[in-house]
Amino acid sequence: MVYQVRLLKGIFEPYRCRYQLQNAEAVTRFGSKLLLLYFLSLIVFTVAGYFGIGSESFSKHISTMSVTEFETGKLLIMGGNMIVGLIYPSLYIFLASLYFWIVADIPYLKLVVVQMTLFCLLLLEKVLLIPLFILLDIGNDGNPFSFGVISQHFLSSDYFIHVFSEISIFQFFIIFLQYFYLKGFSERNKYFIFLMIGLFYLATWFVKAFLAYIHVGVFV
């Protein structure tokens, strides 16, 4: 069986796609879909950088900057976001696949295809957040899809508020979908698979929260 990479079908028709990918002997349309994801990621992060999303630590010093310093800062932020737009899919698709290949003993290419599908959901969340951040003038801690807003009423630690801001309804759906695919591909215990997925996302949430805590202004 030959599996054609169809990212949206991987989200909306997971049962069929899991069966086809599980029994696939070859994968086609892989390179074109991967390039498309890189292109979309670059666009999304560039737009976010253009509007200054994730650059709150820079914006608060605007009143003390000259026009030249401000414009230079904007260019640096946009350039940084463009770089992140290329690095982020590499880490999420290839490095995460390597992790799950080690712990779950699943063919690496199949894991990459799954990560590509999940990355579509990550991009969708970011696309939806851009107009909200702009129109409502809020930062990532005010993400209405996450626990960040609620956590601000119960926590005083900025770091843990950042952590809860990373936990969104999109993340739960991504975890569920990833578990669905990996459970079907791996012969390992389903609880072990779920634990490995949970540890992976916990690690990413804490790392991204740390970057936000030390004011690394990237839209991740």
N, C-alpha and C. Protein backbone atom coordinates (compact mmCIF):
# COMPACT_ATOMS: atom_id res chain seq x y z
N MET A 1 0.84 -1.20 0.00
CA MET A 1 0.00 0.00 0.00
C MET A 1 0.88 1.25 0.00
N VAL A 2 0.49 2.24 -0.80
CA VAL A 2 1.20 3.52 -0.85
C VAL A 2 0.35 4.57 -0.15
N TYR A 3 0.96 5.28 0.79
CA TYR A 3 0.23 6.31 1.54
C TYR A 3 0.59 7.68 1.00
N GLN A 4 -0.43 8.43 0.60
CA GLN A 4 -0.24 9.81 0.16
C GLN A 4 -0.46 10.74 1.34
N VAL A 5 0.52 11.58 1.62
CA VAL A 5 0.43 12.49 2.76
C VAL A 5 -0.65 13.53 2.49
N ARG A 6 -1.69 13.50 3.29
CA ARG A 6 -2.78 14.47 3.23
C ARG A 6 -3.02 14.96 4.65
N LEU A 7 -2.49 16.11 4.93
CA LEU A 7 -2.41 16.58 6.31
C LEU A 7 -3.78 16.83 6.93
N LEU A 8 -4.68 17.46 6.19
CA LEU A 8 -6.00 17.75 6.75
C LEU A 8 -6.81 16.47 6.96
N LYS A 9 -6.66 15.51 6.06
CA LYS A 9 -7.35 14.24 6.27
C LYS A 9 -6.81 13.52 7.50
N GLY A 10 -5.53 13.74 7.79
CA GLY A 10 -4.97 13.15 8.99
C GLY A 10 -5.62 13.67 10.26
N ILE A 11 -6.19 14.88 10.17
CA ILE A 11 -6.89 15.46 11.32
C ILE A 11 -8.36 15.07 11.34
N PHE A 12 -9.02 15.14 10.17
CA PHE A 12 -10.46 14.94 10.11
C PHE A 12 -10.87 13.49 9.84
N GLU A 13 -9.94 12.67 9.35
CA GLU A 13 -10.22 11.26 9.12
C GLU A 13 -9.11 10.40 9.74
N PRO A 14 -8.93 10.52 11.05
CA PRO A 14 -7.79 9.84 11.70
C PRO A 14 -7.85 8.31 11.61
N TYR A 15 -9.05 7.72 11.68
CA TYR A 15 -9.13 6.26 11.64
C TYR A 15 -8.64 5.72 10.31
N ARG A 16 -9.12 6.33 9.22
CA ARG A 16 -8.70 5.89 7.89
C ARG A 16 -7.21 6.13 7.67
N CYS A 17 -6.74 7.31 8.06
CA CYS A 17 -5.34 7.64 7.84
C CYS A 17 -4.41 6.78 8.68
N ARG A 18 -4.81 6.48 9.90
CA ARG A 18 -3.98 5.62 10.74
C ARG A 18 -3.87 4.23 10.14
N TYR A 19 -4.97 3.70 9.65
CA TYR A 19 -4.96 2.37 9.04
C TYR A 19 -4.08 2.35 7.80
N GLN A 20 -4.25 3.36 6.95
CA GLN A 20 -3.48 3.41 5.71
C GLN A 20 -1.99 3.59 5.98
N LEU A 21 -1.66 4.49 6.92
CA LEU A 21 -0.26 4.74 7.24
C LEU A 21 0.37 3.54 7.94
N GLN A 22 -0.42 2.87 8.76
CA GLN A 22 0.07 1.70 9.49
C GLN A 22 0.47 0.58 8.53
N ASN A 23 -0.25 0.44 7.44
CA ASN A 23 -0.01 -0.64 6.49
C ASN A 23 0.75 -0.18 5.25
N ALA A 24 1.19 1.07 5.25
CA ALA A 24 1.86 1.61 4.07
C ALA A 24 3.27 1.04 3.92
N GLU A 25 3.62 0.73 2.69
CA GLU A 25 4.96 0.28 2.37
C GLU A 25 5.80 1.41 1.79
N ALA A 26 5.13 2.48 1.36
CA ALA A 26 5.81 3.65 0.81
C ALA A 26 4.95 4.88 1.08
N VAL A 27 5.60 6.04 1.12
CA VAL A 27 4.91 7.30 1.38
C VAL A 27 5.21 8.26 0.24
N THR A 28 4.16 8.86 -0.32
CA THR A 28 4.34 9.82 -1.41
C THR A 28 3.82 11.19 -0.99
N ARG A 29 4.14 12.21 -1.79
CA ARG A 29 3.75 13.60 -1.55
C ARG A 29 4.29 14.10 -0.21
N PHE A 30 5.36 13.49 0.23
CA PHE A 30 5.97 13.87 1.52
C PHE A 30 6.71 15.20 1.41
N GLY A 31 7.60 15.31 0.43
CA GLY A 31 8.44 16.49 0.30
C GLY A 31 7.65 17.75 0.05
N SER A 32 6.64 17.68 -0.82
CA SER A 32 5.85 18.87 -1.14
C SER A 32 5.06 19.36 0.07
N LYS A 33 4.52 18.43 0.83
CA LYS A 33 3.75 18.83 2.03
C LYS A 33 4.66 19.37 3.13
N LEU A 34 5.87 18.83 3.22
CA LEU A 34 6.82 19.34 4.19
C LEU A 34 7.24 20.77 3.85
N LEU A 35 7.53 21.01 2.57
CA LEU A 35 7.87 22.37 2.13
C LEU A 35 6.72 23.33 2.37
N LEU A 36 5.50 22.86 2.17
CA LEU A 36 4.33 23.70 2.42
C LEU A 36 4.24 24.10 3.89
N LEU A 37 4.51 23.16 4.77
CA LEU A 37 4.47 23.47 6.20
C LEU A 37 5.53 24.49 6.59
N TYR A 38 6.72 24.34 6.03
CA TYR A 38 7.79 25.31 6.30
C TYR A 38 7.39 26.70 5.79
N PHE A 39 6.80 26.74 4.61
CA PHE A 39 6.37 28.01 4.04
C PHE A 39 5.29 28.67 4.90
N LEU A 40 4.29 27.90 5.31
CA LEU A 40 3.22 28.44 6.14
C LEU A 40 3.74 28.89 7.50
N SER A 41 4.64 28.11 8.08
CA SER A 41 5.24 28.49 9.36
C SER A 41 5.99 29.80 9.23
N LEU A 42 6.76 29.94 8.16
CA LEU A 42 7.51 31.18 7.93
C LEU A 42 6.57 32.37 7.80
N ILE A 43 5.47 32.21 7.08
CA ILE A 43 4.50 33.29 6.91
C ILE A 43 3.87 33.67 8.24
N VAL A 44 3.42 32.68 9.00
CA VAL A 44 2.74 32.93 10.28
C VAL A 44 3.66 33.65 11.26
N PHE A 45 4.89 33.18 11.38
CA PHE A 45 5.83 33.80 12.32
C PHE A 45 6.26 35.18 11.85
N THR A 46 6.37 35.37 10.54
CA THR A 46 6.73 36.69 10.01
C THR A 46 5.62 37.70 10.28
N VAL A 47 4.38 37.31 10.06
CA VAL A 47 3.24 38.20 10.34
C VAL A 47 3.19 38.54 11.83
N ALA A 48 3.43 37.52 12.67
CA ALA A 48 3.45 37.76 14.12
C ALA A 48 4.55 38.75 14.48
N GLY A 49 5.72 38.60 13.85
CA GLY A 49 6.82 39.53 14.13
C GLY A 49 6.52 40.93 13.64
N TYR A 50 5.84 41.03 12.50
CA TYR A 50 5.49 42.35 11.95
C TYR A 50 4.59 43.12 12.91
N PHE A 51 3.67 42.43 13.56
CA PHE A 51 2.76 43.08 14.49
C PHE A 51 3.30 43.13 15.92
N GLY A 52 4.53 42.65 16.11
CA GLY A 52 5.17 42.76 17.42
C GLY A 52 4.68 41.76 18.45
N ILE A 53 4.04 40.69 18.01
CA ILE A 53 3.53 39.69 18.95
C ILE A 53 4.71 38.93 19.56
N GLY A 54 4.70 38.83 20.87
CA GLY A 54 5.79 38.16 21.57
C GLY A 54 6.97 39.05 21.86
N SER A 55 6.82 40.36 21.64
CA SER A 55 7.94 41.28 21.86
C SER A 55 7.62 42.30 22.96
N GLU A 56 6.84 41.86 23.95
CA GLU A 56 6.43 42.79 25.00
C GLU A 56 7.62 43.38 25.75
N SER A 57 8.66 42.57 25.94
CA SER A 57 9.83 43.06 26.66
C SER A 57 10.53 44.18 25.89
N PHE A 58 10.38 44.18 24.58
CA PHE A 58 10.95 45.25 23.75
C PHE A 58 10.02 46.47 23.72
N SER A 59 8.73 46.22 23.59
CA SER A 59 7.76 47.30 23.42
C SER A 59 7.71 48.26 24.61
N LYS A 60 7.96 47.75 25.81
CA LYS A 60 7.84 48.61 26.99
C LYS A 60 8.94 49.66 27.06
N HIS A 61 9.97 49.54 26.19
CA HIS A 61 11.05 50.52 26.19
C HIS A 61 10.95 51.51 25.03
N ILE A 62 9.80 51.48 24.33
CA ILE A 62 9.64 52.34 23.15
C ILE A 62 9.83 53.81 23.48
N SER A 63 9.32 54.24 24.64
CA SER A 63 9.37 55.66 24.99
C SER A 63 10.79 56.17 25.17
N THR A 64 11.74 55.28 25.39
CA THR A 64 13.13 55.70 25.61
C THR A 64 13.99 55.52 24.36
N MET A 65 13.38 55.10 23.25
CA MET A 65 14.14 54.82 22.04
C MET A 65 14.01 55.95 21.02
N SER A 66 15.04 56.06 20.22
CA SER A 66 14.96 56.97 19.08
C SER A 66 14.23 56.26 17.95
N VAL A 67 13.87 57.00 16.91
CA VAL A 67 13.18 56.40 15.77
C VAL A 67 14.03 55.33 15.12
N THR A 68 15.32 55.61 14.99
CA THR A 68 16.23 54.64 14.36
C THR A 68 16.33 53.37 15.18
N GLU A 69 16.45 53.51 16.49
CA GLU A 69 16.54 52.34 17.38
C GLU A 69 15.25 51.52 17.31
N PHE A 70 14.12 52.21 17.26
CA PHE A 70 12.84 51.52 17.23
C PHE A 70 12.68 50.72 15.93
N GLU A 71 13.00 51.34 14.79
CA GLU A 71 12.87 50.66 13.51
C GLU A 71 13.85 49.49 13.41
N THR A 72 15.05 49.69 13.95
CA THR A 72 16.03 48.59 13.95
C THR A 72 15.53 47.43 14.80
N GLY A 73 14.94 47.77 15.95
CA GLY A 73 14.39 46.74 16.82
C GLY A 73 13.28 45.97 16.15
N LYS A 74 12.42 46.66 15.42
CA LYS A 74 11.33 45.99 14.72
C LYS A 74 11.86 45.02 13.67
N LEU A 75 12.90 45.44 12.95
CA LEU A 75 13.50 44.57 11.94
C LEU A 75 14.14 43.34 12.58
N LEU A 76 14.78 43.55 13.73
CA LEU A 76 15.41 42.43 14.42
C LEU A 76 14.36 41.44 14.92
N ILE A 77 13.25 41.97 15.43
CA ILE A 77 12.18 41.10 15.92
C ILE A 77 11.59 40.29 14.77
N MET A 78 11.34 40.97 13.64
CA MET A 78 10.79 40.26 12.49
C MET A 78 11.77 39.22 11.97
N GLY A 79 13.05 39.59 11.92
CA GLY A 79 14.06 38.63 11.47
C GLY A 79 14.16 37.44 12.41
N GLY A 80 14.08 37.71 13.71
CA GLY A 80 14.11 36.62 14.69
C GLY A 80 12.93 35.69 14.54
N ASN A 81 11.76 36.27 14.29
CA ASN A 81 10.57 35.44 14.09
C ASN A 81 10.68 34.61 12.83
N MET A 82 11.28 35.16 11.79
CA MET A 82 11.45 34.39 10.56
C MET A 82 12.37 33.20 10.79
N ILE A 83 13.42 33.41 11.57
CA ILE A 83 14.33 32.31 11.88
C ILE A 83 13.61 31.24 12.70
N VAL A 84 12.84 31.69 13.69
CA VAL A 84 12.07 30.75 14.51
C VAL A 84 11.06 30.00 13.65
N GLY A 85 10.48 30.70 12.66
CA GLY A 85 9.52 30.07 11.77
C GLY A 85 10.10 28.91 10.99
N LEU A 86 11.42 28.89 10.82
CA LEU A 86 12.09 27.78 10.15
C LEU A 86 12.61 26.74 11.13
N ILE A 87 13.02 27.20 12.31
CA ILE A 87 13.56 26.26 13.30
C ILE A 87 12.46 25.48 14.00
N TYR A 88 11.36 26.15 14.30
CA TYR A 88 10.28 25.53 15.08
C TYR A 88 9.74 24.26 14.42
N PRO A 89 9.37 24.29 13.11
CA PRO A 89 8.89 23.03 12.51
C PRO A 89 9.96 21.94 12.48
N SER A 90 11.22 22.33 12.35
CA SER A 90 12.29 21.33 12.36
C SER A 90 12.35 20.60 13.70
N LEU A 91 12.25 21.37 14.78
CA LEU A 91 12.29 20.77 16.11
C LEU A 91 11.06 19.92 16.37
N TYR A 92 9.89 20.46 16.03
CA TYR A 92 8.65 19.76 16.35
C TYR A 92 8.45 18.53 15.48
N ILE A 93 8.83 18.62 14.22
CA ILE A 93 8.59 17.50 13.32
C ILE A 93 9.69 16.44 13.42
N PHE A 94 10.95 16.86 13.32
CA PHE A 94 12.03 15.90 13.22
C PHE A 94 12.61 15.48 14.57
N LEU A 95 12.84 16.46 15.45
CA LEU A 95 13.41 16.11 16.76
C LEU A 95 12.40 15.35 17.61
N ALA A 96 11.14 15.79 17.59
CA ALA A 96 10.10 15.07 18.34
C ALA A 96 9.91 13.66 17.79
N SER A 97 9.98 13.52 16.47
CA SER A 97 9.86 12.19 15.87
C SER A 97 11.00 11.28 16.33
N LEU A 98 12.19 11.85 16.46
CA LEU A 98 13.33 11.07 16.95
C LEU A 98 13.08 10.57 18.37
N TYR A 99 12.53 11.44 19.19
CA TYR A 99 12.21 11.06 20.58
C TYR A 99 11.22 9.90 20.60
N PHE A 100 10.13 10.02 19.85
CA PHE A 100 9.11 8.97 19.86
C PHE A 100 9.61 7.70 19.17
N TRP A 101 10.53 7.84 18.22
CA TRP A 101 11.12 6.67 17.59
C TRP A 101 11.93 5.87 18.61
N ILE A 102 12.61 6.58 19.50
CA ILE A 102 13.43 5.92 20.51
C ILE A 102 12.56 5.23 21.55
N VAL A 103 11.51 5.92 22.03
CA VAL A 103 10.74 5.38 23.15
C VAL A 103 9.61 4.45 22.71
N ALA A 104 9.12 4.59 21.48
CA ALA A 104 7.95 3.81 21.07
C ALA A 104 8.24 2.76 20.01
N ASP A 105 9.46 2.77 19.45
CA ASP A 105 9.85 1.78 18.45
C ASP A 105 8.87 1.75 17.27
N ILE A 106 8.67 2.92 16.67
CA ILE A 106 7.80 3.09 15.50
C ILE A 106 8.67 3.59 14.35
N PRO A 107 8.41 3.13 13.13
CA PRO A 107 9.21 3.63 11.98
C PRO A 107 9.26 5.16 11.95
N TYR A 108 10.46 5.67 11.77
CA TYR A 108 10.69 7.12 11.89
C TYR A 108 9.87 7.92 10.89
N LEU A 109 9.77 7.46 9.64
CA LEU A 109 9.04 8.21 8.61
C LEU A 109 7.57 8.34 8.96
N LYS A 110 7.00 7.30 9.53
CA LYS A 110 5.58 7.37 9.92
C LYS A 110 5.38 8.38 11.05
N LEU A 111 6.34 8.45 11.95
CA LEU A 111 6.26 9.43 13.03
C LEU A 111 6.37 10.85 12.48
N VAL A 112 7.22 11.04 11.48
CA VAL A 112 7.37 12.36 10.87
C VAL A 112 6.05 12.79 10.22
N VAL A 113 5.38 11.87 9.56
CA VAL A 113 4.09 12.18 8.93
C VAL A 113 3.07 12.58 10.00
N VAL A 114 3.06 11.86 11.11
CA VAL A 114 2.14 12.21 12.21
C VAL A 114 2.46 13.59 12.76
N GLN A 115 3.74 13.87 12.97
CA GLN A 115 4.13 15.18 13.51
C GLN A 115 3.78 16.30 12.53
N MET A 116 3.88 16.03 11.24
CA MET A 116 3.48 17.02 10.25
C MET A 116 1.99 17.34 10.37
N THR A 117 1.19 16.31 10.58
CA THR A 117 -0.25 16.51 10.76
C THR A 117 -0.54 17.33 12.00
N LEU A 118 0.14 17.01 13.09
CA LEU A 118 -0.07 17.73 14.35
C LEU A 118 0.41 19.18 14.25
N PHE A 119 1.45 19.39 13.46
CA PHE A 119 1.98 20.74 13.31
C PHE A 119 0.96 21.65 12.63
N CYS A 120 0.10 21.09 11.80
CA CYS A 120 -0.99 21.88 11.20
C CYS A 120 -1.87 22.48 12.29
N LEU A 121 -2.15 21.72 13.34
CA LEU A 121 -2.97 22.22 14.44
C LEU A 121 -2.26 23.32 15.21
N LEU A 122 -0.95 23.17 15.38
CA LEU A 122 -0.19 24.22 16.04
C LEU A 122 -0.25 25.52 15.25
N LEU A 123 -0.10 25.42 13.94
CA LEU A 123 -0.18 26.61 13.10
C LEU A 123 -1.57 27.22 13.13
N LEU A 124 -2.60 26.37 13.14
CA LEU A 124 -3.97 26.87 13.20
C LEU A 124 -4.19 27.67 14.48
N GLU A 125 -3.68 27.17 15.60
CA GLU A 125 -3.83 27.90 16.86
C GLU A 125 -3.15 29.25 16.77
N LYS A 126 -1.97 29.31 16.19
CA LYS A 126 -1.24 30.57 16.10
C LYS A 126 -1.94 31.55 15.16
N VAL A 127 -2.50 31.02 14.07
CA VAL A 127 -3.24 31.88 13.14
C VAL A 127 -4.45 32.50 13.83
N LEU A 128 -5.15 31.73 14.63
CA LEU A 128 -6.32 32.24 15.34
C LEU A 128 -5.92 33.24 16.43
N LEU A 129 -4.74 33.06 17.00
CA LEU A 129 -4.30 33.93 18.09
C LEU A 129 -3.84 35.30 17.60
N ILE A 130 -3.30 35.38 16.39
CA ILE A 130 -2.76 36.64 15.90
C ILE A 130 -3.79 37.77 15.93
N PRO A 131 -4.99 37.61 15.33
CA PRO A 131 -5.97 38.72 15.41
C PRO A 131 -6.45 38.98 16.82
N LEU A 132 -6.52 37.95 17.66
CA LEU A 132 -6.95 38.15 19.04
C LEU A 132 -5.92 38.97 19.81
N PHE A 133 -4.65 38.65 19.64
CA PHE A 133 -3.59 39.40 20.31
C PHE A 133 -3.58 40.86 19.86
N ILE A 134 -3.84 41.07 18.57
CA ILE A 134 -3.80 42.43 18.03
C ILE A 134 -5.02 43.23 18.47
N LEU A 135 -6.22 42.66 18.27
CA LEU A 135 -7.46 43.39 18.54
C LEU A 135 -7.71 43.60 20.03
N LEU A 136 -7.35 42.60 20.84
CA LEU A 136 -7.59 42.68 22.28
C LEU A 136 -6.39 43.24 23.04
N ASP A 137 -5.27 43.42 22.32
CA ASP A 137 -4.05 43.96 22.92
C ASP A 137 -3.63 43.13 24.14
N ILE A 138 -3.52 41.84 23.94
CA ILE A 138 -3.11 40.93 25.02
C ILE A 138 -1.87 40.16 24.59
N GLY A 139 -1.19 39.60 25.58
CA GLY A 139 -0.04 38.77 25.31
C GLY A 139 -0.41 37.31 25.43
N ASN A 140 0.59 36.45 25.41
CA ASN A 140 0.34 35.01 25.45
C ASN A 140 -0.32 34.58 26.75
N ASP A 141 -0.05 35.31 27.84
CA ASP A 141 -0.68 34.97 29.12
C ASP A 141 -2.18 35.21 29.09
N GLY A 142 -2.65 36.00 28.14
CA GLY A 142 -4.08 36.26 28.00
C GLY A 142 -4.73 35.40 26.93
N ASN A 143 -4.03 34.38 26.47
CA ASN A 143 -4.56 33.47 25.46
C ASN A 143 -5.90 32.89 25.92
N PRO A 144 -6.99 33.20 25.22
CA PRO A 144 -8.31 32.73 25.67
C PRO A 144 -8.50 31.23 25.51
N PHE A 145 -7.63 30.57 24.73
CA PHE A 145 -7.73 29.13 24.56
C PHE A 145 -6.98 28.35 25.64
N SER A 146 -6.24 29.06 26.49
CA SER A 146 -5.38 28.39 27.46
C SER A 146 -5.85 28.63 28.89
N PHE A 147 -5.09 28.05 29.84
CA PHE A 147 -5.38 28.25 31.26
C PHE A 147 -4.65 29.46 31.82
N GLY A 148 -4.02 30.25 30.95
CA GLY A 148 -3.24 31.39 31.42
C GLY A 148 -4.06 32.42 32.14
N VAL A 149 -5.25 32.73 31.60
CA VAL A 149 -6.11 33.76 32.22
C VAL A 149 -6.56 33.31 33.59
N ILE A 150 -7.01 32.05 33.69
CA ILE A 150 -7.48 31.53 34.97
C ILE A 150 -6.36 31.47 35.98
N SER A 151 -5.19 31.05 35.54
CA SER A 151 -4.06 30.89 36.48
C SER A 151 -3.65 32.21 37.11
N GLN A 152 -3.88 33.33 36.42
CA GLN A 152 -3.49 34.63 36.97
C GLN A 152 -4.30 34.99 38.22
N HIS A 153 -5.45 34.37 38.39
CA HIS A 153 -6.29 34.63 39.56
C HIS A 153 -5.86 33.81 40.77
N PHE A 154 -5.05 32.76 40.54
CA PHE A 154 -4.68 31.86 41.62
C PHE A 154 -3.17 31.81 41.89
N LEU A 155 -2.37 32.27 40.93
CA LEU A 155 -0.92 32.18 41.07
C LEU A 155 -0.29 33.56 41.02
N SER A 156 0.80 33.70 41.77
CA SER A 156 1.55 34.96 41.75
C SER A 156 2.87 34.81 41.02
N SER A 157 3.26 33.58 40.73
CA SER A 157 4.53 33.31 40.04
C SER A 157 4.35 33.52 38.54
N ASP A 158 5.12 34.44 37.98
CA ASP A 158 5.05 34.69 36.54
C ASP A 158 5.42 33.44 35.74
N TYR A 159 6.40 32.70 36.25
CA TYR A 159 6.85 31.52 35.52
C TYR A 159 5.73 30.50 35.36
N PHE A 160 5.03 30.20 36.46
CA PHE A 160 3.97 29.18 36.37
C PHE A 160 2.74 29.70 35.63
N ILE A 161 2.55 31.00 35.61
CA ILE A 161 1.50 31.56 34.76
C ILE A 161 1.84 31.33 33.30
N HIS A 162 3.12 31.50 32.97
CA HIS A 162 3.57 31.22 31.60
C HIS A 162 3.36 29.74 31.25
N VAL A 163 3.61 28.86 32.25
CA VAL A 163 3.43 27.42 32.01
C VAL A 163 1.97 27.13 31.66
N PHE A 164 1.05 27.64 32.47
CA PHE A 164 -0.36 27.38 32.22
C PHE A 164 -0.85 28.06 30.94
N SER A 165 -0.17 29.12 30.53
CA SER A 165 -0.53 29.78 29.28
C SER A 165 -0.21 28.92 28.08
N GLU A 166 0.72 27.99 28.24
CA GLU A 166 1.07 27.08 27.15
C GLU A 166 0.09 25.93 27.02
N ILE A 167 -0.72 25.69 28.05
CA ILE A 167 -1.64 24.55 28.06
C ILE A 167 -2.99 25.03 27.54
N SER A 168 -3.30 24.67 26.32
CA SER A 168 -4.52 25.14 25.67
C SER A 168 -5.38 23.98 25.21
N ILE A 169 -6.59 24.29 24.75
CA ILE A 169 -7.47 23.24 24.24
C ILE A 169 -6.89 22.61 22.99
N PHE A 170 -6.13 23.39 22.23
CA PHE A 170 -5.46 22.83 21.05
C PHE A 170 -4.42 21.80 21.47
N GLN A 171 -3.69 22.09 22.55
CA GLN A 171 -2.69 21.15 23.03
C GLN A 171 -3.31 19.84 23.47
N PHE A 172 -4.47 19.91 24.12
CA PHE A 172 -5.15 18.68 24.54
C PHE A 172 -5.59 17.86 23.33
N PHE A 173 -6.08 18.54 22.31
CA PHE A 173 -6.50 17.83 21.11
C PHE A 173 -5.31 17.21 20.40
N ILE A 174 -4.19 17.94 20.37
CA ILE A 174 -2.97 17.42 19.75
C ILE A 174 -2.48 16.17 20.50
N ILE A 175 -2.49 16.23 21.83
CA ILE A 175 -2.06 15.08 22.64
C ILE A 175 -2.97 13.88 22.37
N PHE A 176 -4.28 14.12 22.34
CA PHE A 176 -5.22 13.03 22.08
C PHE A 176 -4.98 12.41 20.72
N LEU A 177 -4.80 13.25 19.69
CA LEU A 177 -4.59 12.75 18.34
C LEU A 177 -3.27 12.00 18.22
N GLN A 178 -2.24 12.53 18.87
CA GLN A 178 -0.95 11.85 18.83
C GLN A 178 -1.02 10.50 19.52
N TYR A 179 -1.70 10.44 20.64
CA TYR A 179 -1.87 9.17 21.35
C TYR A 179 -2.63 8.17 20.48
N PHE A 180 -3.65 8.66 19.79
CA PHE A 180 -4.45 7.81 18.91
C PHE A 180 -3.57 7.16 17.84
N TYR A 181 -2.72 7.94 17.21
CA TYR A 181 -1.86 7.41 16.16
C TYR A 181 -0.79 6.48 16.73
N LEU A 182 -0.10 6.92 17.76
CA LEU A 182 1.02 6.14 18.29
C LEU A 182 0.55 4.84 18.93
N LYS A 183 -0.61 4.86 19.54
CA LYS A 183 -1.13 3.62 20.14
C LYS A 183 -1.38 2.57 19.06
N GLY A 184 -1.84 3.03 17.88
CA GLY A 184 -2.08 2.09 16.79
C GLY A 184 -0.81 1.58 16.13
N PHE A 185 0.27 2.37 16.18
CA PHE A 185 1.51 2.00 15.52
C PHE A 185 2.42 1.15 16.39
N SER A 186 2.35 1.33 17.70
CA SER A 186 3.31 0.71 18.61
C SER A 186 2.72 -0.50 19.33
N GLU A 187 3.57 -1.46 19.62
CA GLU A 187 3.16 -2.63 20.39
C GLU A 187 3.41 -2.43 21.89
N ARG A 188 3.94 -1.31 22.23
CA ARG A 188 4.20 -1.03 23.64
C ARG A 188 2.89 -0.77 24.39
N ASN A 189 2.96 -0.88 25.71
CA ASN A 189 1.80 -0.66 26.56
C ASN A 189 1.21 0.73 26.34
N LYS A 190 -0.12 0.81 26.24
CA LYS A 190 -0.77 2.09 25.93
C LYS A 190 -0.52 3.14 27.01
N TYR A 191 -0.38 2.70 28.25
CA TYR A 191 -0.11 3.65 29.34
C TYR A 191 1.31 4.20 29.22
N PHE A 192 2.22 3.36 28.77
CA PHE A 192 3.59 3.82 28.55
C PHE A 192 3.62 4.86 27.44
N ILE A 193 2.88 4.62 26.36
CA ILE A 193 2.81 5.57 25.25
C ILE A 193 2.25 6.90 25.74
N PHE A 194 1.18 6.84 26.51
CA PHE A 194 0.57 8.07 27.01
C PHE A 194 1.53 8.81 27.93
N LEU A 195 2.26 8.08 28.75
CA LEU A 195 3.22 8.70 29.67
C LEU A 195 4.33 9.40 28.89
N MET A 196 4.84 8.76 27.85
CA MET A 196 5.91 9.36 27.06
C MET A 196 5.43 10.62 26.34
N ILE A 197 4.21 10.58 25.84
CA ILE A 197 3.64 11.77 25.20
C ILE A 197 3.46 12.89 26.22
N GLY A 198 2.94 12.53 27.39
CA GLY A 198 2.74 13.53 28.44
C GLY A 198 4.04 14.17 28.88
N LEU A 199 5.09 13.37 29.05
CA LEU A 199 6.39 13.91 29.45
C LEU A 199 6.96 14.84 28.38
N PHE A 200 6.75 14.48 27.12
CA PHE A 200 7.24 15.33 26.03
C PHE A 200 6.59 16.71 26.07
N TYR A 201 5.28 16.74 26.22
CA TYR A 201 4.60 18.04 26.20
C TYR A 201 4.81 18.82 27.49
N LEU A 202 4.95 18.13 28.60
CA LEU A 202 5.31 18.83 29.82
C LEU A 202 6.65 19.53 29.67
N ALA A 203 7.60 18.83 29.08
CA ALA A 203 8.93 19.41 28.87
C ALA A 203 8.84 20.63 27.96
N THR A 204 8.07 20.53 26.87
CA THR A 204 7.96 21.67 25.95
C THR A 204 7.28 22.85 26.61
N TRP A 205 6.26 22.60 27.42
CA TRP A 205 5.57 23.70 28.11
C TRP A 205 6.50 24.42 29.07
N PHE A 206 7.29 23.66 29.82
CA PHE A 206 8.19 24.27 30.80
C PHE A 206 9.33 25.02 30.10
N VAL A 207 9.83 24.48 29.01
CA VAL A 207 10.91 25.17 28.28
C VAL A 207 10.39 26.47 27.67
N LYS A 208 9.23 26.42 27.03
CA LYS A 208 8.67 27.62 26.42
C LYS A 208 8.29 28.66 27.46
N ALA A 209 7.82 28.20 28.61
CA ALA A 209 7.52 29.12 29.70
C ALA A 209 8.79 29.78 30.23
N PHE A 210 9.88 29.01 30.27
CA PHE A 210 11.16 29.59 30.72
C PHE A 210 11.64 30.65 29.76
N LEU A 211 11.50 30.39 28.44
CA LEU A 211 11.89 31.39 27.45
C LEU A 211 11.07 32.66 27.60
N ALA A 212 9.77 32.50 27.87
CA ALA A 212 8.93 33.67 28.08
C ALA A 212 9.31 34.39 29.37
N TYR A 213 9.69 33.62 30.38
CA TYR A 213 10.04 34.20 31.69
C TYR A 213 11.30 35.05 31.61
N ILE A 214 12.26 34.62 30.78
CA ILE A 214 13.50 35.40 30.65
C ILE A 214 13.41 36.39 29.48
N HIS A 215 12.16 36.56 28.99
CA HIS A 215 11.87 37.59 27.97
C HIS A 215 12.57 37.33 26.65
N VAL A 216 12.58 36.07 26.22
CA VAL A 216 13.00 35.77 24.86
C VAL A 216 11.78 35.97 23.97
N GLY A 217 11.74 37.05 23.23
CA GLY A 217 10.53 37.45 22.52
C GLY A 217 10.32 36.76 21.20
N VAL A 218 9.92 35.50 21.24
CA VAL A 218 9.57 34.80 20.01
C VAL A 218 8.18 34.21 20.18
N PHE A 219 7.45 34.13 19.09
CA PHE A 219 6.06 33.70 19.12
C PHE A 219 5.97 32.19 19.09
N VAL A 220 6.42 31.53 20.16
CA VAL A 220 6.38 30.08 20.20
C VAL A 220 5.51 29.60 21.37
